Amino acid sequence: MTPQALPLWLDIAVSVLVLAGAAIAFLGSLGLLRLKTYFERVHAPAIIATLGCWCIMHATLVYFSAVGDGLALHALLIALFVAVTVPVTNIFLMRAALFRARRTGENVPPNLSRTTDDHVRDF
């Protein structure tokens, strides 16, 4: 592919999306430094990094669609994969941390699951 000059408005749009995605991801990493406990820190990078990924994906989609022959949907697949896996991984990590904290006797919210004793009393 030969390099070609893009219109100024397209350069600005892609640049703004990339810079917004980088700034949002940077804010998520600051959350790791600022927040104290694991339960507070887990939210900032997961949510904000996903939003940063979507901004980068839109920039990639716009740029490669303008430069290429048609609509470039490969970036959308990557962003969808990140949007699905980050919350699921976040849930598993939080459940594991809660389980570990309860086992060590830390002050965490009580378990809301019903135990076998609760089932016996209901009948």
Protein backbone atom coordinates (compact mmCIF):
# COMPACT_ATOMS: atom_id res chain seq x y z
CA MET A 1 0.00 0.00 0.00
CA THR A 2 1.41 3.39 -0.92
CA PRO A 3 1.17 6.20 1.61
CA GLN A 4 -1.41 8.79 0.68
CA ALA A 5 -2.30 12.11 2.22
CA LEU A 6 -5.48 12.02 4.25
CA PRO A 7 -7.78 15.02 4.50
CA LEU A 8 -7.10 17.29 7.46
CA TRP A 9 -10.48 16.60 9.08
CA LEU A 10 -9.77 12.86 9.00
CA ASP A 11 -6.32 13.33 10.52
CA ILE A 12 -7.83 15.43 13.30
CA ALA A 13 -10.65 12.95 13.97
CA VAL A 14 -8.29 9.99 14.18
CA SER A 15 -5.83 11.94 16.34
CA VAL A 16 -8.54 13.06 18.76
CA LEU A 17 -9.84 9.50 19.12
CA VAL A 18 -6.35 8.06 19.71
CA LEU A 19 -5.45 10.76 22.22
CA ALA A 20 -8.79 10.35 24.02
CA GLY A 21 -8.25 6.59 24.25
CA ALA A 22 -4.72 7.06 25.58
CA ALA A 23 -5.86 9.66 28.12
CA ILE A 24 -8.71 7.46 29.33
CA ALA A 25 -6.38 4.46 29.69
CA PHE A 26 -3.94 6.68 31.60
CA LEU A 27 -6.72 7.70 34.00
CA GLY A 28 -7.43 4.02 34.60
CA SER A 29 -3.81 3.38 35.48
CA LEU A 30 -3.86 6.30 37.91
CA GLY A 31 -6.70 4.52 39.68
CA LEU A 32 -4.25 1.73 40.50
CA LEU A 33 -1.98 4.19 42.28
CA ARG A 34 -4.61 6.24 44.04
CA LEU A 35 -7.06 3.72 45.42
CA LYS A 36 -6.06 1.78 48.53
CA THR A 37 -7.67 -1.67 48.61
CA TYR A 38 -7.95 -4.34 45.97
CA PHE A 39 -11.72 -4.04 45.93
CA GLU A 40 -11.47 -0.33 45.07
CA ARG A 41 -8.60 -0.72 42.59
CA VAL A 42 -10.20 -3.41 40.47
CA HIS A 43 -12.89 -1.14 39.00
CA ALA A 44 -10.88 1.78 37.63
CA PRO A 45 -8.61 -0.11 35.21
CA ALA A 46 -11.30 -2.51 34.04
CA ILE A 47 -13.95 0.03 33.20
CA ILE A 48 -11.74 2.82 31.96
CA ALA A 49 -9.40 0.60 29.95
CA THR A 50 -12.42 -0.81 28.13
CA LEU A 51 -13.59 2.71 27.25
CA GLY A 52 -10.05 3.60 26.12
CA CYS A 53 -9.99 0.49 23.94
CA TRP A 54 -13.25 1.55 22.28
CA CYS A 55 -11.82 4.99 21.44
CA ILE A 56 -8.73 3.40 19.90
CA MET A 57 -10.96 0.96 18.01
CA HIS A 58 -13.01 3.80 16.52
CA ALA A 59 -9.82 5.58 15.45
CA THR A 60 -8.55 2.38 13.82
CA LEU A 61 -11.89 1.79 12.13
CA VAL A 62 -12.02 5.32 10.70
CA TYR A 63 -8.39 5.34 9.57
CA PHE A 64 -8.26 1.93 7.90
CA SER A 65 -11.67 2.41 6.31
CA ALA A 66 -10.47 5.68 4.77
CA VAL A 67 -7.12 4.29 3.62
CA GLY A 68 -8.35 0.83 2.56
CA ASP A 69 -10.84 -0.33 0.00
CA GLY A 70 -13.85 -0.65 2.30
CA LEU A 71 -15.08 -0.80 5.84
CA ALA A 72 -12.36 -2.25 8.11
CA LEU A 73 -14.20 -4.30 10.73
CA HIS A 74 -11.20 -6.22 12.10
CA ALA A 75 -10.73 -3.66 14.89
CA LEU A 76 -14.34 -4.11 15.94
CA LEU A 77 -13.73 -7.80 16.59
CA ILE A 78 -10.82 -6.99 18.90
CA ALA A 79 -12.84 -4.40 20.82
CA LEU A 80 -15.79 -6.79 21.18
CA PHE A 81 -13.47 -9.45 22.54
CA VAL A 82 -12.07 -7.00 25.10
CA ALA A 83 -15.56 -5.77 26.00
CA VAL A 84 -16.70 -9.34 26.71
CA THR A 85 -13.63 -10.72 28.47
CA VAL A 86 -12.77 -7.80 30.78
CA PRO A 87 -16.03 -7.84 32.80
CA VAL A 88 -16.06 -11.63 33.03
CA THR A 89 -12.45 -11.71 34.22
CA ASN A 90 -13.19 -8.87 36.62
CA ILE A 91 -16.09 -10.82 38.17
CA PHE A 92 -13.97 -13.95 38.63
CA LEU A 93 -11.13 -11.98 40.22
CA MET A 94 -13.52 -10.19 42.59
CA ARG A 95 -15.16 -13.45 43.65
CA ALA A 96 -11.78 -15.05 44.29
CA ALA A 97 -10.66 -12.03 46.33
CA LEU A 98 -13.87 -12.07 48.37
CA PHE A 99 -13.50 -15.79 49.02
CA ARG A 100 -9.91 -15.31 50.15
CA ALA A 101 -10.78 -12.31 52.33
CA ARG A 102 -13.59 -14.23 54.03
CA ARG A 103 -11.29 -17.20 54.67
CA THR A 104 -8.69 -14.95 56.33
CA GLY A 105 -11.33 -13.22 58.45
CA GLU A 106 -11.16 -9.75 56.88
CA ASN A 107 -14.08 -7.37 57.24
CA VAL A 108 -15.95 -7.83 53.92
CA PRO A 109 -19.67 -7.94 53.08
CA PRO A 110 -21.39 -11.18 54.12
CA ASN A 111 -22.03 -14.01 51.72
CA LEU A 112 -25.51 -13.72 50.18
CA SER A 113 -25.63 -17.31 48.94
CA ARG A 114 -27.97 -19.68 50.67
CA THR A 115 -26.32 -22.47 52.61
CA THR A 116 -27.53 -26.03 52.99
CA ASP A 117 -28.89 -25.22 56.46
CA ASP A 118 -31.16 -22.57 54.94
CA HIS A 119 -32.65 -25.13 52.55
CA VAL A 120 -33.40 -27.53 55.40
CA ARG A 121 -35.19 -24.87 57.43
CA ASP A 122 -37.39 -23.84 54.48
CA PHE A 123 -39.03 -27.27 54.18
